[in-house]
Amino acid sequence: MHPGNILVRVTHSKPSHKQIFRSKPLVILLDVGLTAELSKKDRVNLLDFFKAVALQDGRTAAECTLRLSKQQNCPNPRAFIEEVEKSFGFWRTHVVHPADCMQQLLEQVRRHKVNIDADICTVMVTTLVLEGWQRKLDPGYDVLQALNSLLFRVDLADSLFDTIEKLMAP
């Protein structure tokens, strides 16, 4: 456990030194408990996948998904790509939360028997868990906007890789 896993929530009212002692702050401990180590190639593939999701590019997201396993056994990759592309087209026209899109995409992965390596799957599940926590703790936070600001800044790409590596290292 480190300080990044601890959140203190206090009621927001007029600041006063007396009010601090009257408020009942909540201490929230966050620990996903999942770790994984990705190769450089897996990190690049996963980053490309998240970029495609952030851009709502279904074809690229599906193609990236098919690269998330060293041994891909999807019986019909073309059908998978077409279904994912169609889904992203629908998601772009409706207000669908990014986490819901990811969950539906993972359902399509299951239906089409697309393999995803265990370490990559761990990172994806951890991302969904953290996003769920984020949604409950700060519903106004826009995950796609944050992804866009991080993923598409070239100077931050290496920094993002380093951050992912540090977060996922055992």
N, C-alpha and C. Protein backbone atom coordinates (compact mmCIF):
# COMPACT_ATOMS: atom_id res chain seq x y z
N MET A 1 0.86 -1.17 0.00
CA MET A 1 0.00 0.00 0.00
C MET A 1 0.91 1.23 0.00
N HIS A 2 0.58 2.18 -0.85
CA HIS A 2 1.33 3.44 -0.89
C HIS A 2 0.33 4.59 -0.90
N PRO A 3 0.80 5.84 -0.71
CA PRO A 3 -0.13 6.98 -0.60
C PRO A 3 -1.08 7.13 -1.78
N GLY A 4 -0.70 6.65 -2.95
CA GLY A 4 -1.58 6.72 -4.11
C GLY A 4 -2.81 5.83 -3.98
N ASN A 5 -2.78 4.91 -3.02
CA ASN A 5 -3.91 4.01 -2.79
C ASN A 5 -4.87 4.54 -1.73
N ILE A 6 -4.58 5.71 -1.18
CA ILE A 6 -5.40 6.23 -0.09
C ILE A 6 -6.09 7.51 -0.55
N LEU A 7 -7.39 7.55 -0.38
CA LEU A 7 -8.19 8.72 -0.74
C LEU A 7 -8.92 9.17 0.51
N VAL A 8 -8.85 10.45 0.81
CA VAL A 8 -9.60 11.00 1.94
C VAL A 8 -10.64 11.94 1.37
N ARG A 9 -11.90 11.66 1.68
CA ARG A 9 -13.01 12.47 1.18
C ARG A 9 -13.60 13.24 2.36
N VAL A 10 -13.64 14.56 2.22
CA VAL A 10 -14.25 15.40 3.26
C VAL A 10 -15.43 16.13 2.65
N THR A 11 -16.36 16.52 3.49
CA THR A 11 -17.51 17.28 3.00
C THR A 11 -17.04 18.68 2.63
N HIS A 12 -17.56 19.17 1.53
CA HIS A 12 -17.16 20.50 1.07
C HIS A 12 -18.14 21.54 1.59
N SER A 13 -17.65 22.36 2.47
CA SER A 13 -18.44 23.48 2.99
C SER A 13 -17.48 24.64 3.18
N LYS A 14 -17.95 25.71 3.82
CA LYS A 14 -17.08 26.85 4.03
C LYS A 14 -15.86 26.43 4.84
N PRO A 15 -14.67 26.76 4.34
CA PRO A 15 -13.47 26.36 5.06
C PRO A 15 -13.37 27.05 6.42
N SER A 16 -13.13 26.28 7.42
CA SER A 16 -12.99 26.79 8.78
C SER A 16 -12.21 25.76 9.57
N HIS A 17 -11.32 26.23 10.45
CA HIS A 17 -10.55 25.27 11.23
C HIS A 17 -11.45 24.49 12.18
N LYS A 18 -12.55 25.07 12.61
CA LYS A 18 -13.49 24.35 13.48
C LYS A 18 -14.23 23.27 12.68
N GLN A 19 -14.54 23.59 11.44
CA GLN A 19 -15.32 22.67 10.60
C GLN A 19 -14.57 21.37 10.33
N ILE A 20 -13.25 21.44 10.26
CA ILE A 20 -12.46 20.24 9.99
C ILE A 20 -12.71 19.19 11.07
N PHE A 21 -12.80 19.63 12.30
CA PHE A 21 -12.98 18.68 13.39
C PHE A 21 -14.42 18.18 13.49
N ARG A 22 -15.35 18.94 12.96
CA ARG A 22 -16.76 18.52 12.98
C ARG A 22 -17.11 17.61 11.81
N SER A 23 -16.39 17.79 10.72
CA SER A 23 -16.69 16.95 9.56
C SER A 23 -16.28 15.52 9.86
N LYS A 24 -16.87 14.62 9.13
CA LYS A 24 -16.53 13.21 9.30
C LYS A 24 -15.94 12.71 7.98
N PRO A 25 -14.63 12.93 7.83
CA PRO A 25 -14.01 12.50 6.58
C PRO A 25 -14.03 10.98 6.44
N LEU A 26 -14.06 10.55 5.20
CA LEU A 26 -14.01 9.12 4.90
C LEU A 26 -12.61 8.78 4.39
N VAL A 27 -12.04 7.73 4.91
CA VAL A 27 -10.76 7.23 4.40
C VAL A 27 -11.08 6.04 3.51
N ILE A 28 -10.66 6.13 2.26
CA ILE A 28 -10.96 5.08 1.28
C ILE A 28 -9.63 4.46 0.85
N LEU A 29 -9.52 3.15 1.00
CA LEU A 29 -8.32 2.43 0.61
C LEU A 29 -8.58 1.72 -0.72
N LEU A 30 -7.76 2.00 -1.70
CA LEU A 30 -7.92 1.42 -3.03
C LEU A 30 -6.77 0.46 -3.30
N ASP A 31 -7.08 -0.78 -3.57
CA ASP A 31 -6.04 -1.74 -3.93
C ASP A 31 -6.66 -2.79 -4.83
N VAL A 32 -6.27 -2.78 -6.08
CA VAL A 32 -6.81 -3.73 -7.05
C VAL A 32 -6.23 -5.12 -6.80
N GLY A 33 -4.97 -5.19 -6.42
CA GLY A 33 -4.34 -6.47 -6.13
C GLY A 33 -4.00 -7.28 -7.36
N LEU A 34 -3.99 -6.68 -8.54
CA LEU A 34 -3.66 -7.39 -9.77
C LEU A 34 -2.35 -6.83 -10.33
N THR A 35 -1.45 -7.70 -10.72
CA THR A 35 -0.20 -7.26 -11.32
C THR A 35 0.09 -8.08 -12.57
N ALA A 36 0.79 -7.47 -13.48
CA ALA A 36 1.20 -8.15 -14.71
C ALA A 36 2.42 -7.44 -15.26
N GLU A 37 3.22 -8.18 -15.99
CA GLU A 37 4.39 -7.60 -16.64
C GLU A 37 4.25 -7.83 -18.14
N LEU A 38 4.33 -6.73 -18.90
CA LEU A 38 4.15 -6.83 -20.35
C LEU A 38 5.47 -6.62 -21.07
N SER A 39 5.66 -7.35 -22.15
CA SER A 39 6.82 -7.12 -23.01
C SER A 39 6.61 -5.80 -23.74
N LYS A 40 7.69 -5.28 -24.31
CA LYS A 40 7.57 -4.02 -25.06
C LYS A 40 6.56 -4.16 -26.20
N LYS A 41 6.59 -5.30 -26.90
CA LYS A 41 5.66 -5.53 -28.00
C LYS A 41 4.21 -5.54 -27.49
N ASP A 42 3.97 -6.20 -26.36
CA ASP A 42 2.62 -6.23 -25.79
C ASP A 42 2.17 -4.84 -25.36
N ARG A 43 3.10 -4.05 -24.80
CA ARG A 43 2.75 -2.68 -24.39
C ARG A 43 2.35 -1.86 -25.61
N VAL A 44 3.11 -2.00 -26.70
CA VAL A 44 2.80 -1.25 -27.93
C VAL A 44 1.44 -1.68 -28.46
N ASN A 45 1.18 -2.99 -28.52
CA ASN A 45 -0.11 -3.49 -29.01
C ASN A 45 -1.26 -3.00 -28.14
N LEU A 46 -1.06 -3.04 -26.82
CA LEU A 46 -2.12 -2.60 -25.91
C LEU A 46 -2.35 -1.10 -26.04
N LEU A 47 -1.28 -0.33 -26.18
CA LEU A 47 -1.42 1.11 -26.36
C LEU A 47 -2.16 1.41 -27.66
N ASP A 48 -1.83 0.69 -28.73
CA ASP A 48 -2.54 0.86 -30.01
C ASP A 48 -4.02 0.52 -29.84
N PHE A 49 -4.31 -0.52 -29.07
CA PHE A 49 -5.70 -0.90 -28.81
C PHE A 49 -6.43 0.23 -28.09
N PHE A 50 -5.83 0.76 -27.00
CA PHE A 50 -6.48 1.83 -26.25
C PHE A 50 -6.64 3.09 -27.10
N LYS A 51 -5.68 3.37 -27.98
CA LYS A 51 -5.81 4.52 -28.89
C LYS A 51 -7.01 4.32 -29.81
N ALA A 52 -7.15 3.13 -30.35
CA ALA A 52 -8.28 2.85 -31.25
C ALA A 52 -9.61 2.99 -30.51
N VAL A 53 -9.66 2.53 -29.27
CA VAL A 53 -10.88 2.67 -28.48
C VAL A 53 -11.16 4.14 -28.23
N ALA A 54 -10.12 4.91 -27.86
CA ALA A 54 -10.31 6.34 -27.60
C ALA A 54 -10.79 7.07 -28.84
N LEU A 55 -10.31 6.66 -30.01
CA LEU A 55 -10.74 7.27 -31.28
C LEU A 55 -12.05 6.70 -31.79
N GLN A 56 -12.55 5.68 -31.11
CA GLN A 56 -13.77 4.96 -31.50
C GLN A 56 -13.63 4.40 -32.92
N ASP A 57 -12.46 3.85 -33.19
CA ASP A 57 -12.16 3.23 -34.47
C ASP A 57 -12.29 1.72 -34.31
N GLY A 58 -13.46 1.20 -34.64
CA GLY A 58 -13.78 -0.20 -34.42
C GLY A 58 -12.89 -1.17 -35.18
N ARG A 59 -12.62 -0.87 -36.44
CA ARG A 59 -11.79 -1.78 -37.24
C ARG A 59 -10.40 -1.92 -36.62
N THR A 60 -9.78 -0.79 -36.29
CA THR A 60 -8.44 -0.84 -35.71
C THR A 60 -8.47 -1.50 -34.34
N ALA A 61 -9.49 -1.21 -33.55
CA ALA A 61 -9.61 -1.84 -32.22
C ALA A 61 -9.70 -3.36 -32.37
N ALA A 62 -10.47 -3.83 -33.33
CA ALA A 62 -10.61 -5.27 -33.55
C ALA A 62 -9.29 -5.88 -34.03
N GLU A 63 -8.63 -5.20 -34.97
CA GLU A 63 -7.35 -5.71 -35.47
C GLU A 63 -6.31 -5.76 -34.35
N CYS A 64 -6.30 -4.72 -33.51
CA CYS A 64 -5.38 -4.71 -32.36
C CYS A 64 -5.72 -5.83 -31.39
N THR A 65 -7.00 -6.06 -31.18
CA THR A 65 -7.43 -7.13 -30.27
C THR A 65 -6.91 -8.48 -30.77
N LEU A 66 -6.96 -8.69 -32.06
CA LEU A 66 -6.48 -9.95 -32.63
C LEU A 66 -4.96 -10.12 -32.45
N ARG A 67 -4.25 -9.01 -32.22
CA ARG A 67 -2.80 -9.09 -31.99
C ARG A 67 -2.45 -9.23 -30.51
N LEU A 68 -3.45 -9.30 -29.64
CA LEU A 68 -3.19 -9.35 -28.20
C LEU A 68 -2.91 -10.77 -27.69
N SER A 69 -2.62 -11.67 -28.59
CA SER A 69 -2.24 -13.03 -28.22
C SER A 69 -1.16 -13.53 -29.17
N LYS A 70 -0.20 -14.23 -28.60
CA LYS A 70 0.86 -14.81 -29.42
C LYS A 70 0.33 -15.98 -30.25
N GLN A 71 -0.75 -16.61 -29.78
CA GLN A 71 -1.36 -17.73 -30.50
C GLN A 71 -2.84 -17.44 -30.72
N GLN A 72 -3.14 -16.79 -31.83
CA GLN A 72 -4.53 -16.42 -32.09
C GLN A 72 -5.27 -17.57 -32.76
N ASN A 73 -6.37 -17.99 -32.15
CA ASN A 73 -7.15 -19.11 -32.68
C ASN A 73 -8.57 -18.71 -33.08
N CYS A 74 -8.79 -17.42 -33.29
CA CYS A 74 -10.13 -16.97 -33.69
C CYS A 74 -10.50 -17.65 -35.01
N PRO A 75 -11.63 -18.39 -35.02
CA PRO A 75 -12.00 -19.13 -36.23
C PRO A 75 -12.35 -18.24 -37.42
N ASN A 76 -12.86 -17.02 -37.16
CA ASN A 76 -13.28 -16.16 -38.26
C ASN A 76 -12.93 -14.71 -37.94
N PRO A 77 -11.65 -14.33 -38.08
CA PRO A 77 -11.24 -12.96 -37.75
C PRO A 77 -12.02 -11.89 -38.51
N ARG A 78 -12.36 -12.16 -39.77
CA ARG A 78 -13.09 -11.17 -40.57
C ARG A 78 -14.46 -10.86 -39.95
N ALA A 79 -15.17 -11.90 -39.49
CA ALA A 79 -16.49 -11.70 -38.86
C ALA A 79 -16.33 -10.91 -37.56
N PHE A 80 -15.27 -11.20 -36.81
CA PHE A 80 -15.02 -10.46 -35.56
C PHE A 80 -14.78 -8.99 -35.86
N ILE A 81 -13.92 -8.71 -36.83
CA ILE A 81 -13.62 -7.32 -37.19
C ILE A 81 -14.88 -6.59 -37.64
N GLU A 82 -15.69 -7.23 -38.47
CA GLU A 82 -16.92 -6.60 -38.97
C GLU A 82 -17.90 -6.31 -37.83
N GLU A 83 -18.05 -7.26 -36.89
CA GLU A 83 -18.98 -7.05 -35.78
C GLU A 83 -18.51 -5.92 -34.87
N VAL A 84 -17.21 -5.90 -34.58
CA VAL A 84 -16.67 -4.83 -33.72
C VAL A 84 -16.82 -3.48 -34.41
N GLU A 85 -16.52 -3.43 -35.71
CA GLU A 85 -16.64 -2.18 -36.46
C GLU A 85 -18.09 -1.69 -36.44
N LYS A 86 -19.03 -2.58 -36.61
CA LYS A 86 -20.45 -2.23 -36.58
C LYS A 86 -20.84 -1.71 -35.19
N SER A 87 -20.35 -2.37 -34.14
CA SER A 87 -20.66 -1.94 -32.77
C SER A 87 -20.12 -0.55 -32.50
N PHE A 88 -18.89 -0.28 -32.93
CA PHE A 88 -18.32 1.05 -32.71
C PHE A 88 -19.11 2.10 -33.47
N GLY A 89 -19.59 1.77 -34.64
CA GLY A 89 -20.43 2.70 -35.39
C GLY A 89 -21.68 3.06 -34.61
N PHE A 90 -22.28 2.07 -33.95
CA PHE A 90 -23.46 2.30 -33.12
C PHE A 90 -23.10 3.13 -31.89
N TRP A 91 -21.98 2.79 -31.24
CA TRP A 91 -21.58 3.49 -30.02
C TRP A 91 -21.28 4.96 -30.29
N ARG A 92 -20.77 5.27 -31.50
CA ARG A 92 -20.49 6.67 -31.83
C ARG A 92 -21.77 7.49 -31.93
N THR A 93 -22.89 6.87 -32.31
CA THR A 93 -24.13 7.62 -32.51
C THR A 93 -24.97 7.74 -31.25
N HIS A 94 -24.60 7.03 -30.20
CA HIS A 94 -25.35 7.05 -28.95
C HIS A 94 -24.40 7.38 -27.79
N VAL A 95 -24.97 7.88 -26.72
CA VAL A 95 -24.18 8.17 -25.54
C VAL A 95 -24.00 6.85 -24.78
N VAL A 96 -22.87 6.21 -25.03
CA VAL A 96 -22.55 4.95 -24.37
C VAL A 96 -21.25 5.16 -23.61
N HIS A 97 -21.25 4.79 -22.34
CA HIS A 97 -20.06 4.98 -21.52
C HIS A 97 -18.92 4.09 -22.04
N PRO A 98 -17.68 4.60 -22.04
CA PRO A 98 -16.55 3.82 -22.54
C PRO A 98 -16.40 2.45 -21.87
N ALA A 99 -16.67 2.36 -20.59
CA ALA A 99 -16.57 1.07 -19.89
C ALA A 99 -17.60 0.09 -20.43
N ASP A 100 -18.78 0.58 -20.77
CA ASP A 100 -19.81 -0.29 -21.35
C ASP A 100 -19.36 -0.80 -22.72
N CYS A 101 -18.70 0.08 -23.49
CA CYS A 101 -18.17 -0.33 -24.79
C CYS A 101 -17.12 -1.43 -24.60
N MET A 102 -16.24 -1.24 -23.63
CA MET A 102 -15.19 -2.24 -23.37
C MET A 102 -15.81 -3.58 -22.96
N GLN A 103 -16.82 -3.52 -22.12
CA GLN A 103 -17.47 -4.77 -21.68
C GLN A 103 -18.13 -5.48 -22.87
N GLN A 104 -18.79 -4.71 -23.73
CA GLN A 104 -19.41 -5.31 -24.91
C GLN A 104 -18.35 -5.86 -25.87
N LEU A 105 -17.24 -5.14 -25.99
CA LEU A 105 -16.15 -5.61 -26.84
C LEU A 105 -15.60 -6.94 -26.30
N LEU A 106 -15.43 -7.03 -24.98
CA LEU A 106 -14.93 -8.28 -24.39
C LEU A 106 -15.94 -9.41 -24.57
N GLU A 107 -17.21 -9.09 -24.59
CA GLU A 107 -18.23 -10.11 -24.87
C GLU A 107 -18.08 -10.61 -26.31
N GLN A 108 -17.80 -9.70 -27.23
CA GLN A 108 -17.57 -10.11 -28.63
C GLN A 108 -16.30 -10.96 -28.73
N VAL A 109 -15.29 -10.62 -27.95
CA VAL A 109 -14.06 -11.43 -27.89
C VAL A 109 -14.41 -12.86 -27.48
N ARG A 110 -15.24 -12.99 -26.46
CA ARG A 110 -15.65 -14.32 -25.98
C ARG A 110 -16.43 -15.08 -27.05
N ARG A 111 -17.41 -14.40 -27.64
CA ARG A 111 -18.26 -15.05 -28.65
C ARG A 111 -17.48 -15.54 -29.86
N HIS A 112 -16.50 -14.75 -30.27
CA HIS A 112 -15.72 -15.09 -31.47
C HIS A 112 -14.47 -15.91 -31.14
N LYS A 113 -14.33 -16.27 -29.88
CA LYS A 113 -13.20 -17.11 -29.44
C LYS A 113 -11.85 -16.49 -29.78
N VAL A 114 -11.76 -15.18 -29.53
CA VAL A 114 -10.51 -14.45 -29.74
C VAL A 114 -9.64 -14.65 -28.50
N ASN A 115 -8.40 -15.04 -28.70
CA ASN A 115 -7.48 -15.22 -27.57
C ASN A 115 -6.88 -13.88 -27.17
N ILE A 116 -6.75 -13.67 -25.87
CA ILE A 116 -6.01 -12.54 -25.32
C ILE A 116 -5.09 -13.13 -24.27
N ASP A 117 -3.79 -12.84 -24.37
CA ASP A 117 -2.83 -13.37 -23.41
C ASP A 117 -3.19 -12.93 -21.99
N ALA A 118 -2.86 -13.77 -21.03
CA ALA A 118 -3.27 -13.56 -19.63
C ALA A 118 -2.79 -12.23 -19.06
N ASP A 119 -1.53 -11.86 -19.31
CA ASP A 119 -1.03 -10.61 -18.75
C ASP A 119 -1.76 -9.40 -19.33
N ILE A 120 -2.06 -9.46 -20.61
CA ILE A 120 -2.80 -8.36 -21.25
C ILE A 120 -4.22 -8.32 -20.71
N CYS A 121 -4.82 -9.46 -20.54
CA CYS A 121 -6.18 -9.53 -19.99
C CYS A 121 -6.20 -8.95 -18.57
N THR A 122 -5.15 -9.23 -17.79
CA THR A 122 -5.05 -8.68 -16.44
C THR A 122 -5.04 -7.16 -16.48
N VAL A 123 -4.26 -6.59 -17.41
CA VAL A 123 -4.21 -5.13 -17.54
C VAL A 123 -5.58 -4.59 -17.93
N MET A 124 -6.27 -5.25 -18.85
CA MET A 124 -7.59 -4.78 -19.29
C MET A 124 -8.60 -4.86 -18.15
N VAL A 125 -8.60 -5.95 -17.41
CA VAL A 125 -9.53 -6.09 -16.29
C VAL A 125 -9.21 -5.06 -15.21
N THR A 126 -7.93 -4.86 -14.92
CA THR A 126 -7.53 -3.85 -13.94
C THR A 126 -8.01 -2.48 -14.38
N THR A 127 -7.87 -2.18 -15.66
CA THR A 127 -8.34 -0.89 -16.19
C THR A 127 -9.84 -0.73 -15.98
N LEU A 128 -10.60 -1.78 -16.24
CA LEU A 128 -12.05 -1.72 -16.04
C LEU A 128 -12.41 -1.56 -14.57
N VAL A 129 -11.69 -2.24 -13.68
CA VAL A 129 -11.94 -2.10 -12.24
C VAL A 129 -11.66 -0.67 -11.81
N LEU A 130 -10.50 -0.14 -12.21
CA LEU A 130 -10.15 1.23 -11.84
C LEU A 130 -11.14 2.24 -12.42
N GLU A 131 -11.57 2.01 -13.65
CA GLU A 131 -12.54 2.91 -14.27
C GLU A 131 -13.86 2.86 -13.51
N GLY A 132 -14.26 1.69 -13.05
CA GLY A 132 -15.48 1.56 -12.25
C GLY A 132 -15.38 2.33 -10.95
N TRP A 133 -14.23 2.23 -10.30
CA TRP A 133 -14.01 3.00 -9.07
C TRP A 133 -14.06 4.49 -9.37
N GLN A 134 -13.39 4.87 -10.46
CA GLN A 134 -13.36 6.29 -10.84
C GLN A 134 -14.76 6.80 -11.08
N ARG A 135 -15.59 6.01 -11.73
CA ARG A 135 -16.96 6.43 -12.04
C ARG A 135 -17.76 6.66 -10.76
N LYS A 136 -17.53 5.81 -9.75
CA LYS A 136 -18.25 5.99 -8.48
C LYS A 136 -17.70 7.15 -7.67
N LEU A 137 -16.38 7.34 -7.70
CA LEU A 137 -15.75 8.39 -6.89
C LEU A 137 -15.89 9.77 -7.52
N ASP A 138 -15.85 9.85 -8.84
CA ASP A 138 -15.94 11.14 -9.52
C ASP A 138 -16.69 10.96 -10.84
N PRO A 139 -18.04 10.92 -10.79
CA PRO A 139 -18.84 10.65 -11.99
C PRO A 139 -18.65 11.68 -13.11
N GLY A 140 -18.17 12.86 -12.79
CA GLY A 140 -18.00 13.89 -13.80
C GLY A 140 -16.71 13.76 -14.60
N TYR A 141 -15.84 12.87 -14.19
CA TYR A 141 -14.55 12.69 -14.86
C TYR A 141 -14.77 11.99 -16.20
N ASP A 142 -14.18 12.51 -17.25
CA ASP A 142 -14.35 11.95 -18.59
C ASP A 142 -13.13 11.11 -18.96
N VAL A 143 -13.29 9.80 -18.92
CA VAL A 143 -12.18 8.88 -19.19
C VAL A 143 -11.66 9.04 -20.61
N LEU A 144 -12.55 9.16 -21.60
CA LEU A 144 -12.09 9.29 -22.98
C LEU A 144 -11.27 10.56 -23.19
N GLN A 145 -11.68 11.64 -22.55
CA GLN A 145 -10.93 12.88 -22.67
C GLN A 145 -9.54 12.71 -22.05
N ALA A 146 -9.48 12.06 -20.90
CA ALA A 146 -8.19 11.81 -20.25
C ALA A 146 -7.31 10.90 -21.12
N LEU A 147 -7.92 9.86 -21.70
CA LEU A 147 -7.17 8.97 -22.59
C LEU A 147 -6.62 9.74 -23.78
N ASN A 148 -7.46 10.56 -24.38
CA ASN A 148 -7.02 11.34 -25.54
C ASN A 148 -5.86 12.26 -25.18
N SER A 149 -5.93 12.91 -24.02
CA SER A 149 -4.87 13.83 -23.65
C SER A 149 -3.57 13.09 -23.36
N LEU A 150 -3.65 11.85 -22.88
CA LEU A 150 -2.43 11.08 -22.59
C LEU A 150 -1.90 10.32 -23.80
N LEU A 151 -2.78 9.63 -24.49
CA LEU A 151 -2.34 8.72 -25.54
C LEU A 151 -1.81 9.40 -26.78
N PHE A 152 -2.27 10.60 -27.07
CA PHE A 152 -1.93 11.21 -28.34
C PHE A 152 -0.89 12.32 -28.22
N ARG A 153 -0.31 12.43 -27.06
CA ARG A 153 0.79 13.38 -26.90
C ARG A 153 2.08 12.58 -27.02
N VAL A 154 2.80 12.80 -28.09
CA VAL A 154 4.00 12.01 -28.38
C VAL A 154 4.99 12.07 -27.22
N ASP A 155 5.15 13.25 -26.61
CA ASP A 155 6.12 13.38 -25.53
C ASP A 155 5.71 12.58 -24.29
N LEU A 156 4.43 12.20 -24.20
CA LEU A 156 3.98 11.42 -23.05
C LEU A 156 3.93 9.93 -23.33
N ALA A 157 4.11 9.52 -24.57
CA ALA A 157 3.99 8.09 -24.89
C ALA A 157 4.98 7.26 -24.08
N ASP A 158 6.26 7.67 -24.07
CA ASP A 158 7.25 6.93 -23.29
C ASP A 158 6.92 7.00 -21.81
N SER A 159 6.48 8.18 -21.37
CA SER A 159 6.10 8.34 -19.96
C SER A 159 4.94 7.42 -19.60
N LEU A 160 3.98 7.28 -20.51
CA LEU A 160 2.84 6.39 -20.27
C LEU A 160 3.30 4.94 -20.20
N PHE A 161 4.22 4.56 -21.09
CA PHE A 161 4.77 3.20 -21.03
C PHE A 161 5.44 2.97 -19.68
N ASP A 162 6.25 3.95 -19.25
CA ASP A 162 6.93 3.81 -17.96
C ASP A 162 5.93 3.69 -16.82
N THR A 163 4.87 4.51 -16.87
CA THR A 163 3.85 4.46 -15.82
C THR A 163 3.16 3.11 -15.80
N ILE A 164 2.77 2.61 -16.97
CA ILE A 164 2.12 1.30 -17.04
C ILE A 164 3.06 0.22 -16.51
N GLU A 165 4.34 0.33 -16.91
CA GLU A 165 5.31 -0.67 -16.47
C GLU A 165 5.45 -0.66 -14.95
N LYS A 166 5.50 0.53 -14.35
CA LYS A 166 5.64 0.62 -12.90
C LYS A 166 4.38 0.14 -12.19
N LEU A 167 3.23 0.45 -12.76
CA LEU A 167 1.97 0.03 -12.14
C LEU A 167 1.78 -1.48 -12.22
N MET A 168 2.21 -2.07 -13.32
CA MET A 168 1.96 -3.49 -13.55
C MET A 168 3.11 -4.39 -13.12
N ALA A 169 4.24 -3.80 -12.73
CA ALA A 169 5.38 -4.64 -12.33
C ALA A 169 5.06 -5.36 -11.02
N PRO A 170 5.49 -6.63 -10.92
CA PRO A 170 5.23 -7.39 -9.68
C PRO A 170 6.04 -6.88 -8.51
